[in-house]
Amino acid sequence: RLTATAVHHVYTSGHLGELLRAGGFADVELFGGPDGAPYTLGSG
């Protein structure tokens, strides 16, 4: 038996884009999964 806690910091998709652009990236695109569907509110 093993009990452990994981921590996941939550960012908005807009904040994610800002982090990437500030870090030297361009052409940021967001998808809702590997099928290439658009990322929308509630996408898992």
PDB file of all heavy atoms in Angstrom:
ATOM      1  N   ARG A   1       0.852  -1.191   0.000  1.00  0.00           N
ATOM      2  CA  ARG A   1       0.000   0.000   0.000  1.00  0.00           C
ATOM      3  C   ARG A   1       0.889   1.242   0.000  1.00  0.00           C
ATOM      4  O   ARG A   1       1.843   1.334   0.768  1.00  0.00           O
ATOM      5  CB  ARG A   1      -0.910  -0.010   1.231  1.00  0.00           C
ATOM      6  CG  ARG A   1      -1.946   1.109   1.284  1.00  0.00           C
ATOM      7  CD  ARG A   1      -2.789   0.950   2.544  1.00  0.00           C
ATOM      8  NE  ARG A   1      -3.788   1.984   2.694  1.00  0.00           N
ATOM      9  CZ  ARG A   1      -5.023   1.923   2.205  1.00  0.00           C
ATOM     10  NH1 ARG A   1      -5.402   0.834   1.533  1.00  0.00           N
ATOM     11  NH2 ARG A   1      -5.882   2.903   2.390  1.00  0.00           N
ATOM     12  N   LEU A   2       0.578   2.197  -0.887  1.00  0.00           N
ATOM     13  CA  LEU A   2       1.351   3.432  -0.996  1.00  0.00           C
ATOM     14  C   LEU A   2       0.398   4.606  -1.183  1.00  0.00           C
ATOM     15  O   LEU A   2      -0.468   4.575  -2.064  1.00  0.00           O
ATOM     16  CB  LEU A   2       2.302   3.361  -2.204  1.00  0.00           C
ATOM     17  CG  LEU A   2       3.055   4.649  -2.567  1.00  0.00           C
ATOM     18  CD1 LEU A   2       4.039   5.025  -1.471  1.00  0.00           C
ATOM     19  CD2 LEU A   2       3.774   4.498  -3.900  1.00  0.00           C
ATOM     20  N   THR A   3       0.547   5.636  -0.359  1.00  0.00           N
ATOM     21  CA  THR A   3      -0.244   6.858  -0.495  1.00  0.00           C
ATOM     22  C   THR A   3       0.690   8.015  -0.823  1.00  0.00           C
ATOM     23  O   THR A   3       1.708   8.214  -0.150  1.00  0.00           O
ATOM     24  CB  THR A   3      -1.028   7.169   0.796  1.00  0.00           C
ATOM     25  OG1 THR A   3      -1.956   6.108   1.046  1.00  0.00           O
ATOM     26  CG2 THR A   3      -1.811   8.480   0.654  1.00  0.00           C
ATOM     27  N   ALA A   4       0.363   8.766  -1.860  1.00  0.00           N
ATOM     28  CA  ALA A   4       1.200   9.888  -2.297  1.00  0.00           C
ATOM     29  C   ALA A   4       0.311  10.946  -2.929  1.00  0.00           C
ATOM     30  O   ALA A   4      -0.771  10.650  -3.455  1.00  0.00           O
ATOM     31  CB  ALA A   4       2.256   9.414  -3.291  1.00  0.00           C
ATOM     32  N   THR A   5       0.776  12.192  -2.880  1.00  0.00           N
ATOM     33  CA  THR A   5       0.003  13.314  -3.417  1.00  0.00           C
ATOM     34  C   THR A   5       0.721  13.945  -4.608  1.00  0.00           C
ATOM     35  O   THR A   5       1.926  14.222  -4.537  1.00  0.00           O
ATOM     36  CB  THR A   5      -0.233  14.391  -2.337  1.00  0.00           C
ATOM     37  OG1 THR A   5      -0.997  13.818  -1.276  1.00  0.00           O
ATOM     38  CG2 THR A   5      -0.988  15.589  -2.913  1.00  0.00           C
ATOM     39  N   ALA A   6      -0.016  14.153  -5.671  1.00  0.00           N
ATOM     40  CA  ALA A   6       0.497  14.820  -6.867  1.00  0.00           C
ATOM     41  C   ALA A   6      -0.072  16.237  -6.928  1.00  0.00           C
ATOM     42  O   ALA A   6      -1.215  16.476  -6.554  1.00  0.00           O
ATOM     43  CB  ALA A   6       0.106  14.049  -8.122  1.00  0.00           C
ATOM     44  N   VAL A   7       0.741  17.159  -7.410  1.00  0.00           N
ATOM     45  CA  VAL A   7       0.356  18.570  -7.514  1.00  0.00           C
ATOM     46  C   VAL A   7       0.390  18.967  -8.986  1.00  0.00           C
ATOM     47  O   VAL A   7       1.413  18.791  -9.653  1.00  0.00           O
ATOM     48  CB  VAL A   7       1.304  19.474  -6.706  1.00  0.00           C
ATOM     49  CG1 VAL A   7       0.880  20.935  -6.832  1.00  0.00           C
ATOM     50  CG2 VAL A   7       1.362  19.041  -5.246  1.00  0.00           C
ATOM     51  N   HIS A   8      -0.731  19.486  -9.490  1.00  0.00           N
ATOM     52  CA  HIS A   8      -0.784  19.987 -10.869  1.00  0.00           C
ATOM     53  C   HIS A   8      -1.205  21.448 -10.839  1.00  0.00           C
ATOM     54  O   HIS A   8      -2.328  21.768 -10.433  1.00  0.00           O
ATOM     55  CB  HIS A   8      -1.778  19.179 -11.706  1.00  0.00           C
ATOM     56  CG  HIS A   8      -1.334  17.778 -11.959  1.00  0.00           C
ATOM     57  ND1 HIS A   8      -1.661  16.732 -11.130  1.00  0.00           N
ATOM     58  CD2 HIS A   8      -0.573  17.246 -12.950  1.00  0.00           C
ATOM     59  CE1 HIS A   8      -1.136  15.620 -11.603  1.00  0.00           C
ATOM     60  NE2 HIS A   8      -0.476  15.905 -12.699  1.00  0.00           N
ATOM     61  N   HIS A   9      -0.303  22.314 -11.245  1.00  0.00           N
ATOM     62  CA  HIS A   9      -0.623  23.736 -11.315  1.00  0.00           C
ATOM     63  C   HIS A   9      -1.493  24.004 -12.535  1.00  0.00           C
ATOM     64  O   HIS A   9      -1.266  23.453 -13.614  1.00  0.00           O
ATOM     65  CB  HIS A   9       0.663  24.555 -11.362  1.00  0.00           C
ATOM     66  CG  HIS A   9       1.439  24.480 -10.082  1.00  0.00           C
ATOM     67  ND1 HIS A   9       1.175  25.289  -9.001  1.00  0.00           N
ATOM     68  CD2 HIS A   9       2.435  23.646  -9.698  1.00  0.00           C
ATOM     69  CE1 HIS A   9       1.994  24.982  -8.005  1.00  0.00           C
ATOM     70  NE2 HIS A   9       2.767  23.990  -8.400  1.00  0.00           N
ATOM     71  N   VAL A  10      -2.494  24.834 -12.358  1.00  0.00           N
ATOM     72  CA  VAL A  10      -3.510  25.076 -13.377  1.00  0.00           C
ATOM     73  C   VAL A  10      -3.226  26.421 -14.057  1.00  0.00           C
ATOM     74  O   VAL A  10      -3.024  27.435 -13.382  1.00  0.00           O
ATOM     75  CB  VAL A  10      -4.911  25.076 -12.746  1.00  0.00           C
ATOM     76  CG1 VAL A  10      -5.969  25.437 -13.780  1.00  0.00           C
ATOM     77  CG2 VAL A  10      -5.207  23.701 -12.133  1.00  0.00           C
ATOM     78  N   TYR A  11      -3.229  26.419 -15.383  1.00  0.00           N
ATOM     79  CA  TYR A  11      -3.028  27.626 -16.180  1.00  0.00           C
ATOM     80  C   TYR A  11      -4.145  27.723 -17.205  1.00  0.00           C
ATOM     81  O   TYR A  11      -4.628  26.708 -17.705  1.00  0.00           O
ATOM     82  CB  TYR A  11      -1.684  27.584 -16.924  1.00  0.00           C
ATOM     83  CG  TYR A  11      -0.482  27.405 -16.039  1.00  0.00           C
ATOM     84  CD1 TYR A  11       0.022  26.132 -15.774  1.00  0.00           C
ATOM     85  CD2 TYR A  11       0.147  28.496 -15.454  1.00  0.00           C
ATOM     86  CE1 TYR A  11       1.126  25.953 -14.953  1.00  0.00           C
ATOM     87  CE2 TYR A  11       1.253  28.329 -14.631  1.00  0.00           C
ATOM     88  CZ  TYR A  11       1.733  27.060 -14.378  1.00  0.00           C
ATOM     89  OH  TYR A  11       2.820  26.884 -13.564  1.00  0.00           O
ATOM     90  N   THR A  12      -4.542  28.943 -17.536  1.00  0.00           N
ATOM     91  CA  THR A  12      -5.472  29.096 -18.643  1.00  0.00           C
ATOM     92  C   THR A  12      -4.746  28.796 -19.953  1.00  0.00           C
ATOM     93  O   THR A  12      -3.514  28.858 -20.032  1.00  0.00           O
ATOM     94  CB  THR A  12      -6.039  30.520 -18.715  1.00  0.00           C
ATOM     95  OG1 THR A  12      -4.971  31.431 -19.022  1.00  0.00           O
ATOM     96  CG2 THR A  12      -6.706  30.925 -17.401  1.00  0.00           C
ATOM     97  N   SER A  13      -5.507  28.483 -20.977  1.00  0.00           N
ATOM     98  CA  SER A  13      -4.892  28.238 -22.277  1.00  0.00           C
ATOM     99  C   SER A  13      -4.210  29.505 -22.794  1.00  0.00           C
ATOM    100  O   SER A  13      -3.166  29.430 -23.458  1.00  0.00           O
ATOM    101  CB  SER A  13      -5.935  27.743 -23.279  1.00  0.00           C
ATOM    102  OG  SER A  13      -7.005  28.657 -23.386  1.00  0.00           O
ATOM    103  N   GLY A  14      -4.773  30.668 -22.457  1.00  0.00           N
ATOM    104  CA  GLY A  14      -4.134  31.925 -22.845  1.00  0.00           C
ATOM    105  C   GLY A  14      -2.793  32.118 -22.168  1.00  0.00           C
ATOM    106  O   GLY A  14      -1.829  32.584 -22.783  1.00  0.00           O
ATOM    107  N   HIS A  15      -2.731  31.779 -20.884  1.00  0.00           N
ATOM    108  CA  HIS A  15      -1.465  31.881 -20.151  1.00  0.00           C
ATOM    109  C   HIS A  15      -0.433  30.931 -20.723  1.00  0.00           C
ATOM    110  O   HIS A  15       0.749  31.284 -20.846  1.00  0.00           O
ATOM    111  CB  HIS A  15      -1.707  31.588 -18.669  1.00  0.00           C
ATOM    112  CG  HIS A  15      -0.539  31.903 -17.782  1.00  0.00           C
ATOM    113  ND1 HIS A  15      -0.496  31.555 -16.460  1.00  0.00           N
ATOM    114  CD2 HIS A  15       0.649  32.514 -18.041  1.00  0.00           C
ATOM    115  CE1 HIS A  15       0.653  31.942 -15.935  1.00  0.00           C
ATOM    116  NE2 HIS A  15       1.368  32.529 -16.874  1.00  0.00           N
ATOM    117  N   LEU A  16      -0.863  29.735 -21.097  1.00  0.00           N
ATOM    118  CA  LEU A  16       0.056  28.788 -21.724  1.00  0.00           C
ATOM    119  C   LEU A  16       0.662  29.386 -22.986  1.00  0.00           C
ATOM    120  O   LEU A  16       1.881  29.316 -23.207  1.00  0.00           O
ATOM    121  CB  LEU A  16      -0.684  27.492 -22.054  1.00  0.00           C
ATOM    122  CG  LEU A  16       0.087  26.453 -22.874  1.00  0.00           C
ATOM    123  CD1 LEU A  16       1.303  25.954 -22.121  1.00  0.00           C
ATOM    124  CD2 LEU A  16      -0.813  25.284 -23.261  1.00  0.00           C
ATOM    125  N   GLY A  17      -0.172  29.989 -23.820  1.00  0.00           N
ATOM    126  CA  GLY A  17       0.331  30.618 -25.035  1.00  0.00           C
ATOM    127  C   GLY A  17       1.318  31.735 -24.735  1.00  0.00           C
ATOM    128  O   GLY A  17       2.347  31.872 -25.412  1.00  0.00           O
ATOM    129  N   GLU A  18       1.034  32.525 -23.706  1.00  0.00           N
ATOM    130  CA  GLU A  18       1.947  33.605 -23.323  1.00  0.00           C
ATOM    131  C   GLU A  18       3.293  33.056 -22.865  1.00  0.00           C
ATOM    132  O   GLU A  18       4.354  33.594 -23.214  1.00  0.00           O
ATOM    133  CB  GLU A  18       1.321  34.434 -22.201  1.00  0.00           C
ATOM    134  CG  GLU A  18       0.127  35.269 -22.636  1.00  0.00           C
ATOM    135  CD  GLU A  18      -0.543  35.953 -21.454  1.00  0.00           C
ATOM    136  OE1 GLU A  18      -0.014  35.830 -20.311  1.00  0.00           O
ATOM    137  OE2 GLU A  18      -1.581  36.598 -21.658  1.00  0.00           O
ATOM    138  N   LEU A  19       3.267  31.972 -22.084  1.00  0.00           N
ATOM    139  CA  LEU A  19       4.512  31.351 -21.625  1.00  0.00           C
ATOM    140  C   LEU A  19       5.361  30.885 -22.801  1.00  0.00           C
ATOM    141  O   LEU A  19       6.581  31.084 -22.818  1.00  0.00           O
ATOM    142  CB  LEU A  19       4.190  30.165 -20.719  1.00  0.00           C
ATOM    143  CG  LEU A  19       3.814  30.447 -19.272  1.00  0.00           C
ATOM    144  CD1 LEU A  19       3.241  29.192 -18.623  1.00  0.00           C
ATOM    145  CD2 LEU A  19       5.034  30.920 -18.484  1.00  0.00           C
ATOM    146  N   LEU A  20       4.711  30.263 -23.771  1.00  0.00           N
ATOM    147  CA  LEU A  20       5.453  29.750 -24.919  1.00  0.00           C
ATOM    148  C   LEU A  20       6.028  30.888 -25.762  1.00  0.00           C
ATOM    149  O   LEU A  20       7.199  30.846 -26.165  1.00  0.00           O
ATOM    150  CB  LEU A  20       4.550  28.856 -25.764  1.00  0.00           C
ATOM    151  CG  LEU A  20       4.055  27.576 -25.079  1.00  0.00           C
ATOM    152  CD1 LEU A  20       3.146  26.790 -26.013  1.00  0.00           C
ATOM    153  CD2 LEU A  20       5.207  26.710 -24.605  1.00  0.00           C
ATOM    154  N   ARG A  21       5.220  31.904 -26.017  1.00  0.00           N
ATOM    155  CA  ARG A  21       5.719  33.018 -26.826  1.00  0.00           C
ATOM    156  C   ARG A  21       6.838  33.771 -26.111  1.00  0.00           C
ATOM    157  O   ARG A  21       7.833  34.164 -26.740  1.00  0.00           O
ATOM    158  CB  ARG A  21       4.566  33.948 -27.193  1.00  0.00           C
ATOM    159  CG  ARG A  21       3.659  33.382 -28.289  1.00  0.00           C
ATOM    160  CD  ARG A  21       2.609  34.379 -28.725  1.00  0.00           C
ATOM    161  NE  ARG A  21       1.546  34.466 -27.740  1.00  0.00           N
ATOM    162  CZ  ARG A  21       0.448  33.708 -27.743  1.00  0.00           C
ATOM    163  NH1 ARG A  21       0.278  32.790 -28.681  1.00  0.00           N
ATOM    164  NH2 ARG A  21      -0.477  33.856 -26.820  1.00  0.00           N
ATOM    165  N   ALA A  22       6.711  33.958 -24.805  1.00  0.00           N
ATOM    166  CA  ALA A  22       7.759  34.637 -24.040  1.00  0.00           C
ATOM    167  C   ALA A  22       9.040  33.808 -23.989  1.00  0.00           C
ATOM    168  O   ALA A  22      10.139  34.358 -23.845  1.00  0.00           O
ATOM    169  CB  ALA A  22       7.274  34.927 -22.623  1.00  0.00           C
ATOM    170  N   GLY A  23       8.902  32.486 -24.127  1.00  0.00           N
ATOM    171  CA  GLY A  23      10.062  31.602 -24.070  1.00  0.00           C
ATOM    172  C   GLY A  23      10.745  31.381 -25.401  1.00  0.00           C
ATOM    173  O   GLY A  23      11.681  30.559 -25.479  1.00  0.00           O
ATOM    174  N   GLY A  24      10.301  32.048 -26.451  1.00  0.00           N
ATOM    175  CA  GLY A  24      10.983  31.953 -27.737  1.00  0.00           C
ATOM    176  C   GLY A  24      10.250  31.165 -28.797  1.00  0.00           C
ATOM    177  O   GLY A  24      10.846  30.763 -29.800  1.00  0.00           O
ATOM    178  N   PHE A  25       8.923  30.973 -28.611  1.00  0.00           N
ATOM    179  CA  PHE A  25       8.148  30.181 -29.568  1.00  0.00           C
ATOM    180  C   PHE A  25       7.141  31.036 -30.326  1.00  0.00           C
ATOM    181  O   PHE A  25       6.716  32.097 -29.855  1.00  0.00           O
ATOM    182  CB  PHE A  25       7.424  29.035 -28.845  1.00  0.00           C
ATOM    183  CG  PHE A  25       8.353  27.993 -28.303  1.00  0.00           C
ATOM    184  CD1 PHE A  25       8.814  28.059 -27.000  1.00  0.00           C
ATOM    185  CD2 PHE A  25       8.796  26.960 -29.119  1.00  0.00           C
ATOM    186  CE1 PHE A  25       9.687  27.103 -26.509  1.00  0.00           C
ATOM    187  CE2 PHE A  25       9.676  26.005 -28.640  1.00  0.00           C
ATOM    188  CZ  PHE A  25      10.126  26.068 -27.328  1.00  0.00           C
ATOM    189  N   ALA A  26       6.759  30.551 -31.483  1.00  0.00           N
ATOM    190  CA  ALA A  26       5.775  31.212 -32.328  1.00  0.00           C
ATOM    191  C   ALA A  26       4.803  30.163 -32.858  1.00  0.00           C
ATOM    192  O   ALA A  26       4.975  28.966 -32.641  1.00  0.00           O
ATOM    193  CB  ALA A  26       6.461  31.937 -33.493  1.00  0.00           C
ATOM    194  N   ASP A  27       3.777  30.633 -33.577  1.00  0.00           N
ATOM    195  CA  ASP A  27       2.803  29.741 -34.211  1.00  0.00           C
ATOM    196  C   ASP A  27       2.179  28.764 -33.211  1.00  0.00           C
ATOM    197  O   ASP A  27       2.072  27.558 -33.457  1.00  0.00           O
ATOM    198  CB  ASP A  27       3.447  28.953 -35.371  1.00  0.00           C
ATOM    199  CG  ASP A  27       3.989  29.858 -36.458  1.00  0.00           C
ATOM    200  OD1 ASP A  27       3.472  30.980 -36.601  1.00  0.00           O
ATOM    201  OD2 ASP A  27       4.937  29.448 -37.143  1.00  0.00           O
ATOM    202  N   VAL A  28       1.763  29.291 -32.051  1.00  0.00           N
ATOM    203  CA  VAL A  28       1.158  28.462 -31.014  1.00  0.00           C
ATOM    204  C   VAL A  28      -0.240  28.051 -31.451  1.00  0.00           C
ATOM    205  O   VAL A  28      -1.073  28.893 -31.819  1.00  0.00           O
ATOM    206  CB  VAL A  28       1.091  29.225 -29.678  1.00  0.00           C
ATOM    207  CG1 VAL A  28       0.403  28.374 -28.606  1.00  0.00           C
ATOM    208  CG2 VAL A  28       2.493  29.632 -29.231  1.00  0.00           C
ATOM    209  N   GLU A  29      -0.505  26.750 -31.443  1.00  0.00           N
ATOM    210  CA  GLU A  29      -1.825  26.224 -31.785  1.00  0.00           C
ATOM    211  C   GLU A  29      -2.320  25.320 -30.665  1.00  0.00           C
ATOM    212  O   GLU A  29      -1.526  24.633 -30.008  1.00  0.00           O
ATOM    213  CB  GLU A  29      -1.779  25.441 -33.097  1.00  0.00           C
ATOM    214  CG  GLU A  29      -1.478  26.280 -34.314  1.00  0.00           C
ATOM    215  CD  GLU A  29      -1.621  25.478 -35.600  1.00  0.00           C
ATOM    216  OE1 GLU A  29      -2.765  25.326 -36.090  1.00  0.00           O
ATOM    217  OE2 GLU A  29      -0.592  24.996 -36.091  1.00  0.00           O
ATOM    218  N   LEU A  30      -3.644  25.295 -30.463  1.00  0.00           N
ATOM    219  CA  LEU A  30      -4.265  24.525 -29.395  1.00  0.00           C
ATOM    220  C   LEU A  30      -5.241  23.519 -29.989  1.00  0.00           C
ATOM    221  O   LEU A  30      -6.062  23.863 -30.836  1.00  0.00           O
ATOM    222  CB  LEU A  30      -5.016  25.449 -28.430  1.00  0.00           C
ATOM    223  CG  LEU A  30      -4.249  26.641 -27.857  1.00  0.00           C
ATOM    224  CD1 LEU A  30      -5.163  27.463 -26.953  1.00  0.00           C
ATOM    225  CD2 LEU A  30      -3.012  26.185 -27.099  1.00  0.00           C
ATOM    226  N   PHE A  31      -5.160  22.273 -29.502  1.00  0.00           N
ATOM    227  CA  PHE A  31      -6.030  21.198 -29.984  1.00  0.00           C
ATOM    228  C   PHE A  31      -6.645  20.466 -28.793  1.00  0.00           C
ATOM    229  O   PHE A  31      -6.059  20.399 -27.710  1.00  0.00           O
ATOM    230  CB  PHE A  31      -5.240  20.213 -30.844  1.00  0.00           C
ATOM    231  CG  PHE A  31      -4.534  20.842 -32.008  1.00  0.00           C
ATOM    232  CD1 PHE A  31      -3.218  21.265 -31.886  1.00  0.00           C
ATOM    233  CD2 PHE A  31      -5.191  21.031 -33.214  1.00  0.00           C
ATOM    234  CE1 PHE A  31      -2.559  21.859 -32.957  1.00  0.00           C
ATOM    235  CE2 PHE A  31      -4.545  21.630 -34.287  1.00  0.00           C
ATOM    236  CZ  PHE A  31      -3.228  22.043 -34.161  1.00  0.00           C
ATOM    237  N   GLY A  32      -7.816  19.899 -29.017  1.00  0.00           N
ATOM    238  CA  GLY A  32      -8.513  19.179 -27.963  1.00  0.00           C
ATOM    239  C   GLY A  32      -8.120  17.720 -27.858  1.00  0.00           C
ATOM    240  O   GLY A  32      -8.645  16.997 -27.007  1.00  0.00           O
ATOM    241  N   GLY A  33      -7.196  17.257 -28.685  1.00  0.00           N
ATOM    242  CA  GLY A  33      -6.752  15.868 -28.646  1.00  0.00           C
ATOM    243  C   GLY A  33      -5.925  15.541 -29.859  1.00  0.00           C
ATOM    244  O   GLY A  33      -5.757  16.376 -30.766  1.00  0.00           O
ATOM    245  N   PRO A  34      -5.399  14.318 -29.943  1.00  0.00           N
ATOM    246  CA  PRO A  34      -4.536  13.948 -31.069  1.00  0.00           C
ATOM    247  C   PRO A  34      -5.255  13.833 -32.399  1.00  0.00           C
ATOM    248  O   PRO A  34      -4.604  13.719 -33.445  1.00  0.00           O
ATOM    249  CB  PRO A  34      -3.965  12.586 -30.635  1.00  0.00           C
ATOM    250  CG  PRO A  34      -4.942  12.057 -29.653  1.00  0.00           C
ATOM    251  CD  PRO A  34      -5.500  13.243 -28.946  1.00  0.00           C
ATOM    252  N   ASP A  35      -6.587  13.896 -32.396  1.00  0.00           N
ATOM    253  CA  ASP A  35      -7.316  13.891 -33.661  1.00  0.00           C
ATOM    254  C   ASP A  35      -7.328  15.260 -34.322  1.00  0.00           C
ATOM    255  O   ASP A  35      -7.865  15.422 -35.426  1.00  0.00           O
ATOM    256  CB  ASP A  35      -8.748  13.389 -33.464  1.00  0.00           C
ATOM    257  CG  ASP A  35      -9.554  14.264 -32.498  1.00  0.00           C
ATOM    258  OD1 ASP A  35      -8.986  15.213 -31.904  1.00  0.00           O
ATOM    259  OD2 ASP A  35     -10.757  13.985 -32.321  1.00  0.00           O
ATOM    260  N   GLY A  36      -6.736  16.265 -33.644  1.00  0.00           N
ATOM    261  CA  GLY A  36      -6.652  17.607 -34.214  1.00  0.00           C
ATOM    262  C   GLY A  36      -7.889  18.453 -34.027  1.00  0.00           C
ATOM    263  O   GLY A  36      -7.977  19.555 -34.589  1.00  0.00           O
ATOM    264  N   ALA A  37      -8.851  17.997 -33.222  1.00  0.00           N
ATOM    265  CA  ALA A  37     -10.059  18.789 -32.967  1.00  0.00           C
ATOM    266  C   ALA A  37      -9.686  20.078 -32.244  1.00  0.00           C
ATOM    267  O   ALA A  37      -8.721  20.113 -31.477  1.00  0.00           O
ATOM    268  CB  ALA A  37     -11.042  17.978 -32.120  1.00  0.00           C
ATOM    269  N   PRO A  38     -10.443  21.153 -32.461  1.00  0.00           N
ATOM    270  CA  PRO A  38     -10.138  22.412 -31.786  1.00  0.00           C
ATOM    271  C   PRO A  38     -10.276  22.270 -30.268  1.00  0.00           C
ATOM    272  O   PRO A  38     -11.102  21.499 -29.778  1.00  0.00           O
ATOM    273  CB  PRO A  38     -11.188  23.383 -32.343  1.00  0.00           C
ATOM    274  CG  PRO A  38     -11.695  22.752 -33.594  1.00  0.00           C
ATOM    275  CD  PRO A  38     -11.585  21.275 -33.384  1.00  0.00           C
ATOM    276  N   TYR A  39      -9.449  23.009 -29.537  1.00  0.00           N
ATOM    277  CA  TYR A  39      -9.580  23.047 -28.087  1.00  0.00           C
ATOM    278  C   TYR A  39     -10.702  24.007 -27.722  1.00  0.00           C
ATOM    279  O   TYR A  39     -10.718  25.156 -28.174  1.00  0.00           O
ATOM    280  CB  TYR A  39      -8.267  23.510 -27.449  1.00  0.00           C
ATOM    281  CG  TYR A  39      -8.337  23.527 -25.935  1.00  0.00           C
ATOM    282  CD1 TYR A  39      -8.383  22.337 -25.210  1.00  0.00           C
ATOM    283  CD2 TYR A  39      -8.367  24.723 -25.233  1.00  0.00           C
ATOM    284  CE1 TYR A  39      -8.452  22.342 -23.828  1.00  0.00           C
ATOM    285  CE2 TYR A  39      -8.434  24.738 -23.847  1.00  0.00           C
ATOM    286  CZ  TYR A  39      -8.476  23.540 -23.142  1.00  0.00           C
ATOM    287  OH  TYR A  39      -8.555  23.549 -21.768  1.00  0.00           O
ATOM    288  N   THR A  40     -11.651  23.545 -26.926  1.00  0.00           N
ATOM    289  CA  THR A  40     -12.797  24.359 -26.539  1.00  0.00           C
ATOM    290  C   THR A  40     -13.026  24.241 -25.041  1.00  0.00           C
ATOM    291  O   THR A  40     -12.449  23.387 -24.355  1.00  0.00           O
ATOM    292  CB  THR A  40     -14.071  23.903 -27.275  1.00  0.00           C
ATOM    293  OG1 THR A  40     -14.350  22.534 -26.933  1.00  0.00           O
ATOM    294  CG2 THR A  40     -13.914  24.023 -28.787  1.00  0.00           C
ATOM    295  N   LEU A  41     -13.875  25.096 -24.507  1.00  0.00           N
ATOM    296  CA  LEU A  41     -14.218  25.055 -23.098  1.00  0.00           C
ATOM    297  C   LEU A  41     -14.787  23.677 -22.754  1.00  0.00           C
ATOM    298  O   LEU A  41     -15.726  23.202 -23.392  1.00  0.00           O
ATOM    299  CB  LEU A  41     -15.249  26.136 -22.788  1.00  0.00           C
ATOM    300  CG  LEU A  41     -15.609  26.340 -21.314  1.00  0.00           C
ATOM    301  CD1 LEU A  41     -14.402  26.859 -20.538  1.00  0.00           C
ATOM    302  CD2 LEU A  41     -16.777  27.304 -21.177  1.00  0.00           C
ATOM    303  N   GLY A  42     -14.194  23.034 -21.748  1.00  0.00           N
ATOM    304  CA  GLY A  42     -14.631  21.709 -21.348  1.00  0.00           C
ATOM    305  C   GLY A  42     -13.892  20.557 -21.999  1.00  0.00           C
ATOM    306  O   GLY A  42     -14.123  19.403 -21.630  1.00  0.00           O
ATOM    307  N   SER A  43     -13.015  20.828 -22.969  1.00  0.00           N
ATOM    308  CA  SER A  43     -12.203  19.750 -23.547  1.00  0.00           C
ATOM    309  C   SER A  43     -11.398  19.082 -22.444  1.00  0.00           C
ATOM    310  O   SER A  43     -10.804  19.755 -21.595  1.00  0.00           O
ATOM    311  CB  SER A  43     -11.245  20.291 -24.609  1.00  0.00           C
ATOM    312  OG  SER A  43     -11.934  20.783 -25.738  1.00  0.00           O
ATOM    313  N   GLY A  44     -11.349  17.763 -22.446  1.00  0.00           N
ATOM    314  CA  GLY A  44     -10.667  17.049 -21.382  1.00  0.00           C
ATOM    315  C   GLY A  44      -9.161  17.092 -21.458  1.00  0.00           C
ATOM    316  O   GLY A  44      -8.474  16.740 -20.496  1.00  0.00           O
TER     317      GLY A  44
END
